[in-house]
Amino acid sequence: MEHPYLFFVKVFEAIGLGHFAHTYPHVVYSWVVMAFLIIAGFIATRSITLIPSKFQNLFEVLISGIEEFMVDVTGEEGRWLFPLAATVFIYIFVSNIVGLIPGFFPPTASLNTTLSCALVVVVFTHIIGVMYHGPKYIKHFLGPVWWMIPIIFPIELIGHFARILSLSFRLFGNMMGHELVLGILFLLAGAFFAPLPIMTLGIFVALVQAFVFFLLSIMYFTGALEHAH
């Protein structure tokens, strides 16, 4: 179902990039989300003071809360992974929430976006494993005893591939489903009041889906940090 009106697609049409914008709206709105986060981060950090402003205070509470939760899960050893994990959470949450604004399209309602996020997390998980364990990281895939390797190794490979599918399809399915429901209600009702309960529920869905993606990501990171049994 085509979105009834996309503001930034119209902007791209005005500058002669309409075909690209109509073909890849998720890319256009990914750029919008990234620009928003960069500008918000710049505003929050350009004048850091001991007595924080409301905007600085909001960012400090958000970032420190995410960091403390992550360290509780991964331990102090995983603190250096915070920038990636926090970026994933904030980017996905904002990408989810922009879909509630009329004329905006949530980038996470495209499988291309969710798949790219999942690939970053899963590939980096194995980079962490190799960094911490070197060649011994292969033991994570071989099982506890040598004679079970022909059974355990294929299962582990399938399991790690399934992580990509799980992360990407769960987020994509929920956000696309919500977008379709909103589109249908807008077409049937023609006003904001009928879709309002779904939009309110959408805030909760956006937060939960971002948190689930974030939680699974740090659990994968923690598994890569641990020694194989």
C-alpha atoms as a PDB file:
ATOM      1  CA  MET A   1       0.000   0.000   0.000  1.00  0.00           C
ATOM      2  CA  GLU A   2       1.451   3.366  -1.019  1.00  0.00           C
ATOM      3  CA  HIS A   3       1.614   6.025   1.667  1.00  0.00           C
ATOM      4  CA  PRO A   4      -0.982   8.755   0.877  1.00  0.00           C
ATOM      5  CA  TYR A   5       1.528  11.614   1.163  1.00  0.00           C
ATOM      6  CA  LEU A   6       5.259  11.741   1.940  1.00  0.00           C
ATOM      7  CA  PHE A   7       6.606  15.218   2.604  1.00  0.00           C
ATOM      8  CA  PHE A   8      10.295  14.615   1.877  1.00  0.00           C
ATOM      9  CA  VAL A   9       9.467  12.619  -1.249  1.00  0.00           C
ATOM     10  CA  LYS A  10       7.770  15.777  -2.534  1.00  0.00           C
ATOM     11  CA  VAL A  11      10.882  17.757  -1.587  1.00  0.00           C
ATOM     12  CA  PHE A  12      13.029  15.363  -3.621  1.00  0.00           C
ATOM     13  CA  GLU A  13      10.582  15.679  -6.524  1.00  0.00           C
ATOM     14  CA  ALA A  14      11.066  19.447  -6.440  1.00  0.00           C
ATOM     15  CA  ILE A  15      14.841  19.071  -6.858  1.00  0.00           C
ATOM     16  CA  GLY A  16      14.529  16.513  -9.647  1.00  0.00           C
ATOM     17  CA  LEU A  17      15.095  13.318  -7.637  1.00  0.00           C
ATOM     18  CA  GLY A  18      11.486  12.161  -7.540  1.00  0.00           C
ATOM     19  CA  HIS A  19      12.139   8.751  -9.113  1.00  0.00           C
ATOM     20  CA  PHE A  20      14.781   7.911  -6.516  1.00  0.00           C
ATOM     21  CA  ALA A  21      12.585   9.144  -3.648  1.00  0.00           C
ATOM     22  CA  HIS A  22       9.548   7.130  -4.790  1.00  0.00           C
ATOM     23  CA  THR A  23      11.666   3.996  -5.268  1.00  0.00           C
ATOM     24  CA  TYR A  24      13.610   4.285  -2.000  1.00  0.00           C
ATOM     25  CA  PRO A  25      11.535   6.258   0.550  1.00  0.00           C
ATOM     26  CA  HIS A  26      13.183   4.316   3.370  1.00  0.00           C
ATOM     27  CA  VAL A  27      16.578   5.677   2.290  1.00  0.00           C
ATOM     28  CA  VAL A  28      15.264   9.248   2.142  1.00  0.00           C
ATOM     29  CA  TYR A  29      13.761   9.008   5.614  1.00  0.00           C
ATOM     30  CA  SER A  30      16.845   7.263   6.972  1.00  0.00           C
ATOM     31  CA  TRP A  31      18.765  10.381   5.912  1.00  0.00           C
ATOM     32  CA  VAL A  32      16.126  12.513   7.634  1.00  0.00           C
ATOM     33  CA  VAL A  33      16.469  10.524  10.874  1.00  0.00           C
ATOM     34  CA  MET A  34      20.277  10.679  10.733  1.00  0.00           C
ATOM     35  CA  ALA A  35      20.193  14.431  10.119  1.00  0.00           C
ATOM     36  CA  PHE A  36      17.825  14.901  13.053  1.00  0.00           C
ATOM     37  CA  LEU A  37      20.030  12.860  15.394  1.00  0.00           C
ATOM     38  CA  ILE A  38      23.200  14.676  14.309  1.00  0.00           C
ATOM     39  CA  ILE A  39      21.592  18.093  14.810  1.00  0.00           C
ATOM     40  CA  ALA A  40      20.052  17.069  18.156  1.00  0.00           C
ATOM     41  CA  GLY A  41      23.399  15.707  19.346  1.00  0.00           C
ATOM     42  CA  PHE A  42      25.178  18.886  18.291  1.00  0.00           C
ATOM     43  CA  ILE A  43      22.663  21.093  20.097  1.00  0.00           C
ATOM     44  CA  ALA A  44      22.857  18.959  23.248  1.00  0.00           C
ATOM     45  CA  THR A  45      26.660  18.959  23.384  1.00  0.00           C
ATOM     46  CA  ARG A  46      27.665  22.393  22.074  1.00  0.00           C
ATOM     47  CA  SER A  47      27.338  24.053  25.486  1.00  0.00           C
ATOM     48  CA  ILE A  48      27.795  21.411  28.187  1.00  0.00           C
ATOM     49  CA  THR A  49      27.644  22.991  31.637  1.00  0.00           C
ATOM     50  CA  LEU A  50      27.761  21.815  35.255  1.00  0.00           C
ATOM     51  CA  ILE A  51      24.190  23.055  35.595  1.00  0.00           C
ATOM     52  CA  PRO A  52      22.620  21.379  32.578  1.00  0.00           C
ATOM     53  CA  SER A  53      19.869  22.858  30.481  1.00  0.00           C
ATOM     54  CA  LYS A  54      16.643  20.925  30.008  1.00  0.00           C
ATOM     55  CA  PHE A  55      17.828  19.591  26.646  1.00  0.00           C
ATOM     56  CA  GLN A  56      21.226  18.556  28.023  1.00  0.00           C
ATOM     57  CA  ASN A  57      19.558  17.003  31.063  1.00  0.00           C
ATOM     58  CA  LEU A  58      17.236  14.960  28.826  1.00  0.00           C
ATOM     59  CA  PHE A  59      20.165  13.594  26.826  1.00  0.00           C
ATOM     60  CA  GLU A  60      22.184  12.804  29.954  1.00  0.00           C
ATOM     61  CA  VAL A  61      19.309  10.856  31.494  1.00  0.00           C
ATOM     62  CA  LEU A  62      18.711   8.963  28.246  1.00  0.00           C
ATOM     63  CA  ILE A  63      22.358   8.081  27.592  1.00  0.00           C
ATOM     64  CA  SER A  64      23.227   7.215  31.197  1.00  0.00           C
ATOM     65  CA  GLY A  65      20.105   5.049  31.496  1.00  0.00           C
ATOM     66  CA  ILE A  66      20.985   3.069  28.372  1.00  0.00           C
ATOM     67  CA  GLU A  67      24.613   2.711  29.502  1.00  0.00           C
ATOM     68  CA  GLU A  68      23.738   1.499  33.010  1.00  0.00           C
ATOM     69  CA  PHE A  69      21.279  -1.054  31.655  1.00  0.00           C
ATOM     70  CA  MET A  70      23.829  -2.336  29.150  1.00  0.00           C
ATOM     71  CA  VAL A  71      26.604  -2.666  31.734  1.00  0.00           C
ATOM     72  CA  ASP A  72      24.198  -4.599  33.995  1.00  0.00           C
ATOM     73  CA  VAL A  73      23.776  -7.118  31.173  1.00  0.00           C
ATOM     74  CA  THR A  74      27.297  -7.290  29.727  1.00  0.00           C
ATOM     75  CA  GLY A  75      29.385  -6.356  32.767  1.00  0.00           C
ATOM     76  CA  GLU A  76      32.131  -3.739  32.826  1.00  0.00           C
ATOM     77  CA  GLU A  77      33.950  -5.616  30.067  1.00  0.00           C
ATOM     78  CA  GLY A  78      31.254  -4.680  27.601  1.00  0.00           C
ATOM     79  CA  ARG A  79      31.160  -0.950  28.373  1.00  0.00           C
ATOM     80  CA  TRP A  80      33.203  -0.117  25.260  1.00  0.00           C
ATOM     81  CA  LEU A  81      30.389  -1.550  23.130  1.00  0.00           C
ATOM     82  CA  PHE A  82      27.995   1.104  24.418  1.00  0.00           C
ATOM     83  CA  PRO A  83      28.380   3.583  21.489  1.00  0.00           C
ATOM     84  CA  LEU A  84      27.262   0.995  18.925  1.00  0.00           C
ATOM     85  CA  ALA A  85      24.449  -0.445  21.050  1.00  0.00           C
ATOM     86  CA  ALA A  86      23.106   3.001  22.012  1.00  0.00           C
ATOM     87  CA  THR A  87      23.265   4.188  18.404  1.00  0.00           C
ATOM     88  CA  VAL A  88      21.271   1.146  17.280  1.00  0.00           C
ATOM     89  CA  PHE A  89      18.624   1.737  19.955  1.00  0.00           C
ATOM     90  CA  ILE A  90      18.221   5.475  19.379  1.00  0.00           C
ATOM     91  CA  TYR A  91      18.279   5.186  15.580  1.00  0.00           C
ATOM     92  CA  ILE A  92      15.664   2.417  15.523  1.00  0.00           C
ATOM     93  CA  PHE A  93      13.411   4.165  18.063  1.00  0.00           C
ATOM     94  CA  VAL A  94      13.446   7.474  16.162  1.00  0.00           C
ATOM     95  CA  SER A  95      12.973   5.619  12.859  1.00  0.00           C
ATOM     96  CA  ASN A  96       9.945   3.875  14.348  1.00  0.00           C
ATOM     97  CA  ILE A  97       8.430   6.989  15.874  1.00  0.00           C
ATOM     98  CA  VAL A  98       8.645   9.206  12.763  1.00  0.00           C
ATOM     99  CA  GLY A  99       6.043   6.983  11.132  1.00  0.00           C
ATOM    100  CA  LEU A 100       3.457   8.495  13.477  1.00  0.00           C
ATOM    101  CA  ILE A 101       3.982  11.946  11.949  1.00  0.00           C
ATOM    102  CA  PRO A 102       1.644  12.554   8.983  1.00  0.00           C
ATOM    103  CA  GLY A 103       3.679  12.756   5.787  1.00  0.00           C
ATOM    104  CA  PHE A 104       6.566  10.735   7.190  1.00  0.00           C
ATOM    105  CA  PHE A 105       7.585   7.136   6.476  1.00  0.00           C
ATOM    106  CA  PRO A 106       9.327   4.959   9.109  1.00  0.00           C
ATOM    107  CA  PRO A 107      12.582   3.594   7.598  1.00  0.00           C
ATOM    108  CA  THR A 108      12.155   0.449   9.718  1.00  0.00           C
ATOM    109  CA  ALA A 109       8.997  -0.406   7.747  1.00  0.00           C
ATOM    110  CA  SER A 110      11.387  -1.495   4.983  1.00  0.00           C
ATOM    111  CA  LEU A 111      13.167  -4.840   5.171  1.00  0.00           C
ATOM    112  CA  ASN A 112      16.260  -3.231   3.642  1.00  0.00           C
ATOM    113  CA  THR A 113      16.689  -0.992   6.709  1.00  0.00           C
ATOM    114  CA  THR A 114      16.063  -3.679   9.326  1.00  0.00           C
ATOM    115  CA  LEU A 115      18.281  -6.166   7.487  1.00  0.00           C
ATOM    116  CA  SER A 116      21.148  -3.677   7.354  1.00  0.00           C
ATOM    117  CA  CYS A 117      20.860  -3.058  11.112  1.00  0.00           C
ATOM    118  CA  ALA A 118      20.747  -6.798  11.796  1.00  0.00           C
ATOM    119  CA  LEU A 119      23.813  -7.434   9.629  1.00  0.00           C
ATOM    120  CA  VAL A 120      25.789  -4.755  11.486  1.00  0.00           C
ATOM    121  CA  VAL A 121      24.935  -6.320  14.843  1.00  0.00           C
ATOM    122  CA  VAL A 122      25.600  -9.939  13.853  1.00  0.00           C
ATOM    123  CA  VAL A 123      28.815  -9.228  11.930  1.00  0.00           C
ATOM    124  CA  PHE A 124      30.131  -7.078  14.777  1.00  0.00           C
ATOM    125  CA  THR A 125      29.271  -9.867  17.216  1.00  0.00           C
ATOM    126  CA  HIS A 126      31.755 -12.135  15.448  1.00  0.00           C
ATOM    127  CA  ILE A 127      34.320  -9.347  15.214  1.00  0.00           C
ATOM    128  CA  ILE A 128      34.094  -9.046  19.007  1.00  0.00           C
ATOM    129  CA  GLY A 129      34.548 -12.795  19.357  1.00  0.00           C
ATOM    130  CA  VAL A 130      37.663 -12.830  17.204  1.00  0.00           C
ATOM    131  CA  MET A 131      39.076  -9.757  18.970  1.00  0.00           C
ATOM    132  CA  TYR A 132      38.677 -11.327  22.410  1.00  0.00           C
ATOM    133  CA  HIS A 133      39.452 -14.975  21.713  1.00  0.00           C
ATOM    134  CA  GLY A 134      41.421 -15.041  18.476  1.00  0.00           C
ATOM    135  CA  PRO A 135      41.315 -18.375  16.633  1.00  0.00           C
ATOM    136  CA  LYS A 136      39.837 -19.994  19.763  1.00  0.00           C
ATOM    137  CA  TYR A 137      36.552 -18.249  18.980  1.00  0.00           C
ATOM    138  CA  ILE A 138      35.766 -21.197  16.706  1.00  0.00           C
ATOM    139  CA  LYS A 139      35.119 -23.204  19.889  1.00  0.00           C
ATOM    140  CA  HIS A 140      31.820 -21.329  20.252  1.00  0.00           C
ATOM    141  CA  PHE A 141      30.627 -23.298  17.222  1.00  0.00           C
ATOM    142  CA  LEU A 142      32.028 -26.758  18.031  1.00  0.00           C
ATOM    143  CA  GLY A 143      30.266 -27.869  21.199  1.00  0.00           C
ATOM    144  CA  PRO A 144      31.665 -29.344  24.432  1.00  0.00           C
ATOM    145  CA  VAL A 145      33.124 -32.593  23.007  1.00  0.00           C
ATOM    146  CA  TRP A 146      34.918 -33.289  19.746  1.00  0.00           C
ATOM    147  CA  TRP A 147      32.709 -36.145  18.549  1.00  0.00           C
ATOM    148  CA  MET A 148      29.635 -33.843  18.550  1.00  0.00           C
ATOM    149  CA  ILE A 149      31.245 -31.353  16.144  1.00  0.00           C
ATOM    150  CA  PRO A 150      29.476 -32.739  13.003  1.00  0.00           C
ATOM    151  CA  ILE A 151      26.136 -32.158  14.763  1.00  0.00           C
ATOM    152  CA  ILE A 152      26.790 -28.965  16.719  1.00  0.00           C
ATOM    153  CA  PHE A 153      28.664 -27.017  14.021  1.00  0.00           C
ATOM    154  CA  PRO A 154      25.828 -26.956  11.426  1.00  0.00           C
ATOM    155  CA  ILE A 155      23.288 -26.182  14.157  1.00  0.00           C
ATOM    156  CA  GLU A 156      25.390 -23.241  15.382  1.00  0.00           C
ATOM    157  CA  LEU A 157      25.778 -21.890  11.848  1.00  0.00           C
ATOM    158  CA  ILE A 158      22.022 -22.090  11.278  1.00  0.00           C
ATOM    159  CA  GLY A 159      21.402 -20.456  14.657  1.00  0.00           C
ATOM    160  CA  HIS A 160      23.679 -17.505  13.910  1.00  0.00           C
ATOM    161  CA  PHE A 161      22.128 -17.066  10.460  1.00  0.00           C
ATOM    162  CA  ALA A 162      18.691 -17.178  12.109  1.00  0.00           C
ATOM    163  CA  ARG A 163      19.726 -14.239  14.285  1.00  0.00           C
ATOM    164  CA  ILE A 164      19.819 -12.062  11.182  1.00  0.00           C
ATOM    165  CA  LEU A 165      16.366 -13.214  10.106  1.00  0.00           C
ATOM    166  CA  SER A 166      14.954 -12.864  13.616  1.00  0.00           C
ATOM    167  CA  LEU A 167      16.220  -9.319  14.169  1.00  0.00           C
ATOM    168  CA  SER A 168      15.273  -8.030  10.730  1.00  0.00           C
ATOM    169  CA  PHE A 169      11.872  -9.696  10.190  1.00  0.00           C
ATOM    170  CA  ARG A 170      10.567  -9.045  13.708  1.00  0.00           C
ATOM    171  CA  LEU A 171      11.187  -5.311  13.469  1.00  0.00           C
ATOM    172  CA  PHE A 172      10.108  -5.053   9.837  1.00  0.00           C
ATOM    173  CA  GLY A 173       6.901  -7.049  10.387  1.00  0.00           C
ATOM    174  CA  ASN A 174       5.758  -5.009  13.354  1.00  0.00           C
ATOM    175  CA  MET A 175       6.474  -1.633  11.797  1.00  0.00           C
ATOM    176  CA  MET A 176       5.064  -2.502   8.374  1.00  0.00           C
ATOM    177  CA  GLY A 177       1.940  -3.970   9.982  1.00  0.00           C
ATOM    178  CA  HIS A 178       1.426  -0.811  12.006  1.00  0.00           C
ATOM    179  CA  GLU A 179       1.961   1.324   8.916  1.00  0.00           C
ATOM    180  CA  LEU A 180      -0.600  -0.698   6.926  1.00  0.00           C
ATOM    181  CA  VAL A 181      -3.215  -0.410   9.678  1.00  0.00           C
ATOM    182  CA  LEU A 182      -2.709   3.349   9.888  1.00  0.00           C
ATOM    183  CA  GLY A 183      -2.941   3.671   6.099  1.00  0.00           C
ATOM    184  CA  ILE A 184      -6.203   1.737   5.975  1.00  0.00           C
ATOM    185  CA  LEU A 185      -7.735   3.801   8.800  1.00  0.00           C
ATOM    186  CA  PHE A 186      -6.701   7.064   7.158  1.00  0.00           C
ATOM    187  CA  LEU A 187      -8.284   5.991   3.867  1.00  0.00           C
ATOM    188  CA  LEU A 188     -11.517   4.822   5.514  1.00  0.00           C
ATOM    189  CA  ALA A 189     -11.930   7.609   8.054  1.00  0.00           C
ATOM    190  CA  GLY A 190     -10.303  10.512   6.259  1.00  0.00           C
ATOM    191  CA  ALA A 191      -9.474  12.193   9.584  1.00  0.00           C
ATOM    192  CA  PHE A 192      -6.970  11.872  12.423  1.00  0.00           C
ATOM    193  CA  PHE A 193      -9.473  10.891  15.102  1.00  0.00           C
ATOM    194  CA  ALA A 194     -10.166   7.327  13.954  1.00  0.00           C
ATOM    195  CA  PRO A 195      -6.473   6.293  13.746  1.00  0.00           C
ATOM    196  CA  LEU A 196      -5.637   8.113  17.014  1.00  0.00           C
ATOM    197  CA  PRO A 197      -5.825   5.024  19.292  1.00  0.00           C
ATOM    198  CA  ILE A 198      -3.580   3.092  16.884  1.00  0.00           C
ATOM    199  CA  MET A 199      -1.139   6.014  16.768  1.00  0.00           C
ATOM    200  CA  THR A 200      -1.050   6.109  20.576  1.00  0.00           C
ATOM    201  CA  LEU A 201      -0.376   2.385  20.665  1.00  0.00           C
ATOM    202  CA  GLY A 202       2.279   2.969  18.007  1.00  0.00           C
ATOM    203  CA  ILE A 203       4.419   4.949  20.477  1.00  0.00           C
ATOM    204  CA  PHE A 204       4.488   1.913  22.745  1.00  0.00           C
ATOM    205  CA  VAL A 205       5.209  -0.422  19.825  1.00  0.00           C
ATOM    206  CA  ALA A 206       8.046   1.828  18.603  1.00  0.00           C
ATOM    207  CA  LEU A 207       9.698   1.795  22.026  1.00  0.00           C
ATOM    208  CA  VAL A 208       9.251  -1.938  22.607  1.00  0.00           C
ATOM    209  CA  GLN A 209      10.596  -2.928  19.199  1.00  0.00           C
ATOM    210  CA  ALA A 210      13.651  -0.686  19.588  1.00  0.00           C
ATOM    211  CA  PHE A 211      14.274  -2.087  23.071  1.00  0.00           C
ATOM    212  CA  VAL A 212      13.926  -5.714  21.926  1.00  0.00           C
ATOM    213  CA  PHE A 213      16.422  -5.128  19.103  1.00  0.00           C
ATOM    214  CA  PHE A 214      18.796  -3.404  21.544  1.00  0.00           C
ATOM    215  CA  LEU A 215      18.439  -6.134  24.189  1.00  0.00           C
ATOM    216  CA  LEU A 216      19.059  -8.980  21.737  1.00  0.00           C
ATOM    217  CA  SER A 217      22.058  -7.118  20.335  1.00  0.00           C
ATOM    218  CA  ILE A 218      23.784  -6.748  23.695  1.00  0.00           C
ATOM    219  CA  MET A 219      22.973 -10.364  24.539  1.00  0.00           C
ATOM    220  CA  TYR A 220      24.736 -11.433  21.338  1.00  0.00           C
ATOM    221  CA  PHE A 221      27.694  -9.200  22.240  1.00  0.00           C
ATOM    222  CA  THR A 222      27.824 -10.739  25.716  1.00  0.00           C
ATOM    223  CA  GLY A 223      27.813 -14.257  24.241  1.00  0.00           C
ATOM    224  CA  ALA A 224      30.781 -13.360  22.047  1.00  0.00           C
ATOM    225  CA  LEU A 225      32.677 -12.007  25.069  1.00  0.00           C
ATOM    226  CA  GLU A 226      32.200 -15.188  27.092  1.00  0.00           C
ATOM    227  CA  HIS A 227      34.541 -18.141  26.896  1.00  0.00           C
ATOM    228  CA  ALA A 228      33.261 -21.244  25.141  1.00  0.00           C
ATOM    229  CA  HIS A 229      32.297 -24.150  27.396  1.00  0.00           C
END
